[in-house]
């Protein structure tokens, strides 16, 4: 990953990599430009022996630590959908 991103955006990006929903609780504002080297966790990819997993890379390279916790999450449920009527 690289480029100027907010901590909220970084947390959103990490969600897919970590395999769980992540929330920014750093209290940091502004944009951050960074480079993060980690072993791929995608099926079929062979991880590089010298690259850490995403959790270790975040802590060692960026000083960020993912901590498991429970918190409410807002989401939208669509329980019915119909095609619009066209006159």
C-alpha atoms as a PDB file:
ATOM      1  CA  UNK A   1       0.000   0.000   0.000  1.00  0.00           C
ATOM      2  CA  UNK A   2       1.161   3.505  -0.593  1.00  0.00           C
ATOM      3  CA  UNK A   3      -0.230   7.006  -1.033  1.00  0.00           C
ATOM      4  CA  UNK A   4      -1.677   9.759   1.125  1.00  0.00           C
ATOM      5  CA  UNK A   5      -4.588   8.263   3.056  1.00  0.00           C
ATOM      6  CA  UNK A   6      -6.521   9.067   6.217  1.00  0.00           C
ATOM      7  CA  UNK A   7      -6.422   6.610   9.102  1.00  0.00           C
ATOM      8  CA  UNK A   8     -10.100   5.845   8.451  1.00  0.00           C
ATOM      9  CA  UNK A   9      -9.259   4.864   4.860  1.00  0.00           C
ATOM     10  CA  UNK A  10      -6.278   2.818   6.010  1.00  0.00           C
ATOM     11  CA  UNK A  11      -8.542   0.926   8.437  1.00  0.00           C
ATOM     12  CA  UNK A  12     -11.023   0.254   5.626  1.00  0.00           C
ATOM     13  CA  UNK A  13      -8.240  -1.042   3.386  1.00  0.00           C
ATOM     14  CA  UNK A  14      -6.919  -3.301   6.115  1.00  0.00           C
ATOM     15  CA  UNK A  15     -10.359  -4.881   6.629  1.00  0.00           C
ATOM     16  CA  UNK A  16     -10.058  -6.975   3.494  1.00  0.00           C
ATOM     17  CA  UNK A  17      -6.466  -7.941   4.197  1.00  0.00           C
ATOM     18  CA  UNK A  18      -7.121  -8.845   7.835  1.00  0.00           C
ATOM     19  CA  UNK A  19     -10.284 -10.785   7.043  1.00  0.00           C
ATOM     20  CA  UNK A  20     -12.339  -8.801   9.547  1.00  0.00           C
ATOM     21  CA  UNK A  21     -13.908  -5.370   9.908  1.00  0.00           C
ATOM     22  CA  UNK A  22     -11.445  -2.789  11.218  1.00  0.00           C
ATOM     23  CA  UNK A  23     -12.200   0.576  12.820  1.00  0.00           C
ATOM     24  CA  UNK A  24      -9.844   3.529  13.252  1.00  0.00           C
ATOM     25  CA  UNK A  25      -9.452   4.344  16.939  1.00  0.00           C
ATOM     26  CA  UNK A  26      -6.094   6.110  16.681  1.00  0.00           C
ATOM     27  CA  UNK A  27      -7.493   9.623  17.028  1.00  0.00           C
ATOM     28  CA  UNK A  28      -5.063  10.743  14.297  1.00  0.00           C
ATOM     29  CA  UNK A  29      -6.225  13.165  11.610  1.00  0.00           C
ATOM     30  CA  UNK A  30      -4.685  14.175   8.317  1.00  0.00           C
ATOM     31  CA  UNK A  31      -3.297  12.163   5.435  1.00  0.00           C
ATOM     32  CA  UNK A  32      -0.444   9.697   5.755  1.00  0.00           C
ATOM     33  CA  UNK A  33       1.820   8.422   3.021  1.00  0.00           C
ATOM     34  CA  UNK A  34       3.370   5.056   3.730  1.00  0.00           C
ATOM     35  CA  UNK A  35       4.737   1.860   2.259  1.00  0.00           C
ATOM     36  CA  UNK A  36       3.896  -1.474   3.819  1.00  0.00           C
ATOM     37  CA  UNK A  37       5.615  -4.750   2.910  1.00  0.00           C
ATOM     38  CA  UNK A  38       3.800  -7.952   3.897  1.00  0.00           C
ATOM     39  CA  UNK A  39       3.258 -11.516   2.731  1.00  0.00           C
ATOM     40  CA  UNK A  40       0.215 -12.039   0.568  1.00  0.00           C
ATOM     41  CA  UNK A  41      -2.570 -14.020   2.191  1.00  0.00           C
ATOM     42  CA  UNK A  42      -4.548 -14.572  -1.011  1.00  0.00           C
ATOM     43  CA  UNK A  43      -5.387 -18.178  -1.919  1.00  0.00           C
ATOM     44  CA  UNK A  44      -2.953 -19.521  -4.478  1.00  0.00           C
ATOM     45  CA  UNK A  45      -0.209 -17.035  -3.667  1.00  0.00           C
ATOM     46  CA  UNK A  46       2.931 -18.473  -2.160  1.00  0.00           C
ATOM     47  CA  UNK A  47       4.035 -16.216   0.707  1.00  0.00           C
ATOM     48  CA  UNK A  48       7.563 -14.848   0.574  1.00  0.00           C
ATOM     49  CA  UNK A  49       9.642 -16.323   3.385  1.00  0.00           C
ATOM     50  CA  UNK A  50      11.134 -12.943   4.288  1.00  0.00           C
ATOM     51  CA  UNK A  51       7.843 -10.968   4.407  1.00  0.00           C
ATOM     52  CA  UNK A  52       5.785 -10.723   7.642  1.00  0.00           C
ATOM     53  CA  UNK A  53       2.018 -11.225   7.777  1.00  0.00           C
ATOM     54  CA  UNK A  54      -0.231  -8.147   7.667  1.00  0.00           C
ATOM     55  CA  UNK A  55      -0.592  -7.965  11.480  1.00  0.00           C
ATOM     56  CA  UNK A  56       3.164  -8.047  12.129  1.00  0.00           C
ATOM     57  CA  UNK A  57       3.888  -5.649   9.252  1.00  0.00           C
ATOM     58  CA  UNK A  58       1.429  -3.069  10.593  1.00  0.00           C
ATOM     59  CA  UNK A  59       2.984  -3.132  14.036  1.00  0.00           C
ATOM     60  CA  UNK A  60       6.660  -3.286  13.055  1.00  0.00           C
ATOM     61  CA  UNK A  61       6.606  -0.949  10.047  1.00  0.00           C
ATOM     62  CA  UNK A  62       3.865   1.553  10.933  1.00  0.00           C
ATOM     63  CA  UNK A  63       3.530   1.241  14.697  1.00  0.00           C
ATOM     64  CA  UNK A  64      -0.150   0.295  14.364  1.00  0.00           C
ATOM     65  CA  UNK A  65      -1.614  -2.567  16.359  1.00  0.00           C
ATOM     66  CA  UNK A  66      -4.852  -4.372  15.549  1.00  0.00           C
ATOM     67  CA  UNK A  67      -6.712  -5.249  18.725  1.00  0.00           C
ATOM     68  CA  UNK A  68      -9.804  -7.459  18.669  1.00  0.00           C
ATOM     69  CA  UNK A  69     -12.913  -5.919  20.207  1.00  0.00           C
ATOM     70  CA  UNK A  70     -16.643  -5.751  19.743  1.00  0.00           C
ATOM     71  CA  UNK A  71     -18.473  -2.606  18.736  1.00  0.00           C
ATOM     72  CA  UNK A  72     -21.762  -1.735  17.051  1.00  0.00           C
ATOM     73  CA  UNK A  73     -21.650  -1.474  13.272  1.00  0.00           C
ATOM     74  CA  UNK A  74     -24.250   0.258  11.128  1.00  0.00           C
ATOM     75  CA  UNK A  75     -25.460  -1.544   8.022  1.00  0.00           C
ATOM     76  CA  UNK A  76     -28.375  -1.479   5.596  1.00  0.00           C
ATOM     77  CA  UNK A  77     -30.674  -4.452   5.058  1.00  0.00           C
ATOM     78  CA  UNK A  78     -32.692  -4.647   1.849  1.00  0.00           C
ATOM     79  CA  UNK A  79     -35.583  -7.007   2.426  1.00  0.00           C
ATOM     80  CA  UNK A  80     -37.552  -6.357  -0.772  1.00  0.00           C
ATOM     81  CA  UNK A  81     -36.953  -4.911  -4.221  1.00  0.00           C
ATOM     82  CA  UNK A  82     -39.203  -4.397  -7.243  1.00  0.00           C
ATOM     83  CA  UNK A  83     -38.666  -3.081 -10.741  1.00  0.00           C
ATOM     84  CA  UNK A  84     -39.935   0.470 -11.214  1.00  0.00           C
ATOM     85  CA  UNK A  85     -43.164   0.915 -13.137  1.00  0.00           C
ATOM     86  CA  UNK A  86     -42.482   2.700 -16.426  1.00  0.00           C
ATOM     87  CA  UNK A  87     -45.379   4.527 -18.082  1.00  0.00           C
END
